[in-house]
């Protein structure tokens, strides 16, 4: 005579199947939420990289425009300093 499944075992199998199915659905939902979050993080990091690049370009442009004035100012200051020392 083959072994039979009684009512308690049937109920236990149904509960386990429902639990596993619930965990499967929750894990699928969690993975899809994580994928969405990663896409947002990538988009934010791309924007931050673009902003950093733009700031670097602006700084390079401004420094190339200001460099001659700064150099002439330093030269004038050095000339005044040497001129002041030669009078002593």
N, C-alpha and C. Protein backbone atom coordinates (compact mmCIF):
# COMPACT_ATOMS: atom_id res chain seq x y z
N UNK A 1 0.85 -1.17 0.00
CA UNK A 1 0.00 0.00 0.00
C UNK A 1 0.91 1.25 0.00
N UNK A 2 0.75 2.17 -1.00
CA UNK A 2 1.60 3.37 -1.06
C UNK A 2 1.25 4.34 0.04
N UNK A 3 2.23 5.13 0.48
CA UNK A 3 1.93 6.10 1.54
C UNK A 3 0.99 7.18 1.03
N UNK A 4 0.11 7.63 1.86
CA UNK A 4 -0.86 8.66 1.48
C UNK A 4 -0.55 9.95 2.21
N UNK A 5 -0.99 11.04 1.60
CA UNK A 5 -0.79 12.36 2.20
C UNK A 5 -2.06 12.68 2.98
N UNK A 6 -1.91 12.93 4.26
CA UNK A 6 -3.09 13.26 5.06
C UNK A 6 -3.37 14.76 4.98
N UNK A 7 -4.40 15.19 5.63
CA UNK A 7 -4.87 16.58 5.54
C UNK A 7 -3.85 17.58 6.07
N UNK A 8 -3.14 17.26 7.11
CA UNK A 8 -2.16 18.18 7.70
C UNK A 8 -1.02 18.40 6.72
N UNK A 9 -0.55 17.34 6.10
CA UNK A 9 0.53 17.48 5.13
C UNK A 9 0.06 18.28 3.90
N UNK A 10 -1.15 18.08 3.48
CA UNK A 10 -1.70 18.83 2.34
C UNK A 10 -1.76 20.31 2.67
N UNK A 11 -2.22 20.65 3.85
CA UNK A 11 -2.31 22.05 4.27
C UNK A 11 -0.91 22.66 4.35
N UNK A 12 0.05 21.89 4.88
CA UNK A 12 1.43 22.37 4.97
C UNK A 12 2.01 22.62 3.58
N UNK A 13 1.77 21.73 2.64
CA UNK A 13 2.27 21.92 1.27
C UNK A 13 1.64 23.15 0.63
N UNK A 14 0.37 23.37 0.85
CA UNK A 14 -0.32 24.55 0.29
C UNK A 14 0.25 25.83 0.90
N UNK A 15 0.47 25.83 2.21
CA UNK A 15 1.03 27.01 2.88
C UNK A 15 2.45 27.29 2.37
N UNK A 16 3.26 26.26 2.23
CA UNK A 16 4.62 26.44 1.70
C UNK A 16 4.60 26.95 0.26
N UNK A 17 3.71 26.43 -0.55
CA UNK A 17 3.62 26.86 -1.94
C UNK A 17 3.20 28.32 -2.02
N UNK A 18 2.24 28.71 -1.19
CA UNK A 18 1.81 30.12 -1.15
C UNK A 18 2.95 31.01 -0.66
N UNK A 19 3.68 30.56 0.35
CA UNK A 19 4.82 31.32 0.86
C UNK A 19 5.90 31.49 -0.18
N UNK A 20 6.25 30.41 -0.87
CA UNK A 20 7.26 30.51 -1.93
C UNK A 20 6.81 31.41 -3.06
N UNK A 21 5.54 31.31 -3.44
CA UNK A 21 5.01 32.17 -4.49
C UNK A 21 5.06 33.64 -4.08
N UNK A 22 4.70 33.91 -2.82
CA UNK A 22 4.75 35.27 -2.31
C UNK A 22 6.17 35.81 -2.32
N UNK A 23 7.13 35.00 -1.88
CA UNK A 23 8.53 35.42 -1.91
C UNK A 23 9.02 35.66 -3.33
N UNK A 24 8.59 34.84 -4.26
CA UNK A 24 8.98 35.02 -5.66
C UNK A 24 8.45 36.34 -6.20
N UNK A 25 7.18 36.62 -5.94
CA UNK A 25 6.58 37.87 -6.41
C UNK A 25 7.28 39.07 -5.76
N UNK A 26 7.53 39.01 -4.46
CA UNK A 26 8.21 40.11 -3.77
C UNK A 26 9.63 40.32 -4.29
N UNK A 27 10.33 39.23 -4.59
CA UNK A 27 11.69 39.39 -5.11
C UNK A 27 11.67 39.99 -6.51
N UNK A 28 10.70 39.64 -7.34
CA UNK A 28 10.58 40.24 -8.67
C UNK A 28 10.29 41.73 -8.55
N UNK A 29 9.39 42.09 -7.64
CA UNK A 29 9.08 43.51 -7.42
C UNK A 29 10.31 44.24 -6.91
N UNK A 30 11.03 43.66 -5.97
CA UNK A 30 12.24 44.29 -5.42
C UNK A 30 13.31 44.48 -6.49
N UNK A 31 13.51 43.49 -7.34
CA UNK A 31 14.50 43.62 -8.41
C UNK A 31 14.09 44.72 -9.38
N UNK A 32 12.82 44.81 -9.72
CA UNK A 32 12.38 45.86 -10.65
C UNK A 32 12.54 47.24 -10.03
N UNK A 33 12.30 47.37 -8.73
CA UNK A 33 12.50 48.66 -8.04
C UNK A 33 13.99 49.00 -8.01
N UNK A 34 14.83 48.02 -7.75
CA UNK A 34 16.28 48.27 -7.72
C UNK A 34 16.78 48.69 -9.10
N UNK A 35 16.26 48.09 -10.16
CA UNK A 35 16.66 48.48 -11.52
C UNK A 35 16.25 49.92 -11.78
N UNK A 36 15.06 50.31 -11.36
CA UNK A 36 14.61 51.69 -11.54
C UNK A 36 15.49 52.66 -10.76
N UNK A 37 15.86 52.30 -9.54
CA UNK A 37 16.73 53.16 -8.73
C UNK A 37 18.10 53.29 -9.38
N UNK A 38 18.63 52.20 -9.90
CA UNK A 38 19.95 52.24 -10.55
C UNK A 38 19.91 53.12 -11.80
N UNK A 39 18.81 53.07 -12.55
CA UNK A 39 18.68 53.94 -13.72
C UNK A 39 18.69 55.40 -13.29
N UNK A 40 17.98 55.72 -12.20
CA UNK A 40 17.96 57.10 -11.72
C UNK A 40 19.34 57.54 -11.23
N UNK A 41 20.05 56.65 -10.54
CA UNK A 41 21.39 56.99 -10.07
C UNK A 41 22.32 57.22 -11.25
N UNK A 42 22.20 56.41 -12.27
CA UNK A 42 23.04 56.60 -13.46
C UNK A 42 22.72 57.92 -14.14
N UNK A 43 21.44 58.25 -14.24
CA UNK A 43 21.06 59.52 -14.86
C UNK A 43 21.59 60.70 -14.05
N UNK A 44 21.51 60.61 -12.73
CA UNK A 44 22.02 61.69 -11.88
C UNK A 44 23.53 61.81 -12.00
N UNK A 45 24.23 60.69 -12.03
CA UNK A 45 25.69 60.74 -12.14
C UNK A 45 26.11 61.27 -13.51
N UNK A 46 25.36 60.95 -14.56
CA UNK A 46 25.66 61.51 -15.88
C UNK A 46 25.48 63.02 -15.88
N UNK A 47 24.43 63.49 -15.25
CA UNK A 47 24.20 64.94 -15.17
C UNK A 47 25.28 65.62 -14.34
N UNK A 48 25.69 64.99 -13.26
CA UNK A 48 26.75 65.57 -12.43
C UNK A 48 28.06 65.63 -13.20
N UNK A 49 28.34 64.58 -13.98
CA UNK A 49 29.55 64.57 -14.79
C UNK A 49 29.50 65.67 -15.85
N UNK A 50 28.34 65.85 -16.46
CA UNK A 50 28.18 66.92 -17.45
C UNK A 50 28.35 68.29 -16.83
N UNK A 51 27.79 68.48 -15.64
CA UNK A 51 27.93 69.77 -14.95
C UNK A 51 29.38 70.02 -14.58
N UNK A 52 30.07 69.00 -14.12
CA UNK A 52 31.49 69.14 -13.79
C UNK A 52 32.31 69.50 -15.02
N UNK A 53 31.98 68.88 -16.12
CA UNK A 53 32.67 69.18 -17.37
C UNK A 53 32.42 70.63 -17.79
N UNK A 54 31.17 71.08 -17.65
CA UNK A 54 30.86 72.47 -18.01
C UNK A 54 31.59 73.45 -17.12
N UNK A 55 31.67 73.17 -15.83
CA UNK A 55 32.39 74.05 -14.90
C UNK A 55 33.87 74.09 -15.25
N UNK A 56 34.43 72.94 -15.60
CA UNK A 56 35.84 72.89 -15.97
C UNK A 56 36.10 73.71 -17.23
N UNK A 57 35.19 73.64 -18.19
CA UNK A 57 35.33 74.44 -19.41
C UNK A 57 35.24 75.93 -19.11
N UNK A 58 34.31 76.31 -18.24
CA UNK A 58 34.15 77.72 -17.87
C UNK A 58 35.41 78.22 -17.17
N UNK A 59 35.93 77.42 -16.25
CA UNK A 59 37.14 77.82 -15.52
C UNK A 59 38.32 77.97 -16.49
N UNK A 60 38.44 77.06 -17.44
CA UNK A 60 39.53 77.14 -18.41
C UNK A 60 39.40 78.40 -19.26
N UNK A 61 38.18 78.72 -19.68
CA UNK A 61 37.96 79.92 -20.49
C UNK A 61 38.26 81.18 -19.69
N UNK A 62 37.75 81.25 -18.47
CA UNK A 62 37.96 82.42 -17.63
C UNK A 62 39.44 82.58 -17.30
N UNK A 63 40.11 81.49 -16.98
CA UNK A 63 41.53 81.60 -16.64
C UNK A 63 42.36 82.01 -17.85
N UNK A 64 41.97 81.57 -19.04
CA UNK A 64 42.73 81.99 -20.23
C UNK A 64 42.50 83.47 -20.52
N UNK A 65 41.35 84.02 -20.15
CA UNK A 65 41.08 85.45 -20.35
C UNK A 65 41.74 86.29 -19.25
N UNK A 66 41.82 85.75 -18.03
CA UNK A 66 42.36 86.52 -16.90
C UNK A 66 43.88 86.41 -16.81
N UNK A 67 44.46 85.36 -17.35
CA UNK A 67 45.90 85.12 -17.21
C UNK A 67 46.76 86.29 -17.68
N UNK A 68 46.49 86.92 -18.83
CA UNK A 68 47.33 88.06 -19.22
C UNK A 68 47.26 89.21 -18.24
N UNK A 69 46.07 89.48 -17.70
CA UNK A 69 45.93 90.58 -16.74
C UNK A 69 46.65 90.25 -15.44
N UNK A 70 46.56 89.01 -15.01
CA UNK A 70 47.25 88.60 -13.79
C UNK A 70 48.76 88.67 -13.98
N UNK A 71 49.23 88.26 -15.12
CA UNK A 71 50.66 88.30 -15.40
C UNK A 71 51.17 89.74 -15.45
N UNK A 72 50.39 90.63 -16.07
CA UNK A 72 50.81 92.03 -16.12
C UNK A 72 50.77 92.65 -14.72
N UNK A 73 49.82 92.27 -13.91
CA UNK A 73 49.75 92.76 -12.54
C UNK A 73 50.94 92.29 -11.72
N UNK A 74 51.31 91.02 -11.88
CA UNK A 74 52.48 90.50 -11.16
C UNK A 74 53.76 91.18 -11.63
N UNK A 75 53.85 91.41 -12.93
CA UNK A 75 55.03 92.09 -13.47
C UNK A 75 55.13 93.51 -12.92
N UNK A 76 54.02 94.22 -12.88
CA UNK A 76 54.01 95.59 -12.36
C UNK A 76 54.39 95.59 -10.88
N UNK A 77 53.87 94.63 -10.12
CA UNK A 77 54.21 94.56 -8.69
C UNK A 77 55.69 94.27 -8.50
N UNK A 78 56.24 93.37 -9.32
CA UNK A 78 57.66 93.07 -9.22
C UNK A 78 58.51 94.28 -9.58
N UNK A 79 58.08 95.02 -10.59
CA UNK A 79 58.83 96.22 -10.99
C UNK A 79 58.79 97.27 -9.88
N UNK A 80 57.62 97.45 -9.25
CA UNK A 80 57.52 98.40 -8.14
C UNK A 80 58.41 97.97 -6.98
N UNK A 81 58.45 96.69 -6.71
CA UNK A 81 59.26 96.17 -5.62
C UNK A 81 60.74 96.41 -5.90
N UNK A 82 61.17 96.09 -7.11
CA UNK A 82 62.58 96.32 -7.46
C UNK A 82 62.91 97.81 -7.49
N UNK A 83 61.97 98.63 -7.96
CA UNK A 83 62.17 100.07 -8.02
C UNK A 83 62.30 100.63 -6.60
N UNK A 84 61.49 100.14 -5.69
CA UNK A 84 61.55 100.58 -4.30
C UNK A 84 62.85 100.15 -3.63
N UNK A 85 63.38 99.00 -3.98
CA UNK A 85 64.64 98.52 -3.39
C UNK A 85 65.84 99.27 -3.96
N UNK A 86 65.75 99.70 -5.21
CA UNK A 86 66.90 100.39 -5.79
C UNK A 86 67.05 101.81 -5.23
N UNK A 87 65.98 102.39 -4.73
CA UNK A 87 66.04 103.74 -4.16
C UNK A 87 66.70 103.73 -2.79
N UNK A 88 66.72 102.60 -2.12
CA UNK A 88 67.28 102.55 -0.77
C UNK A 88 68.72 102.64 -0.85
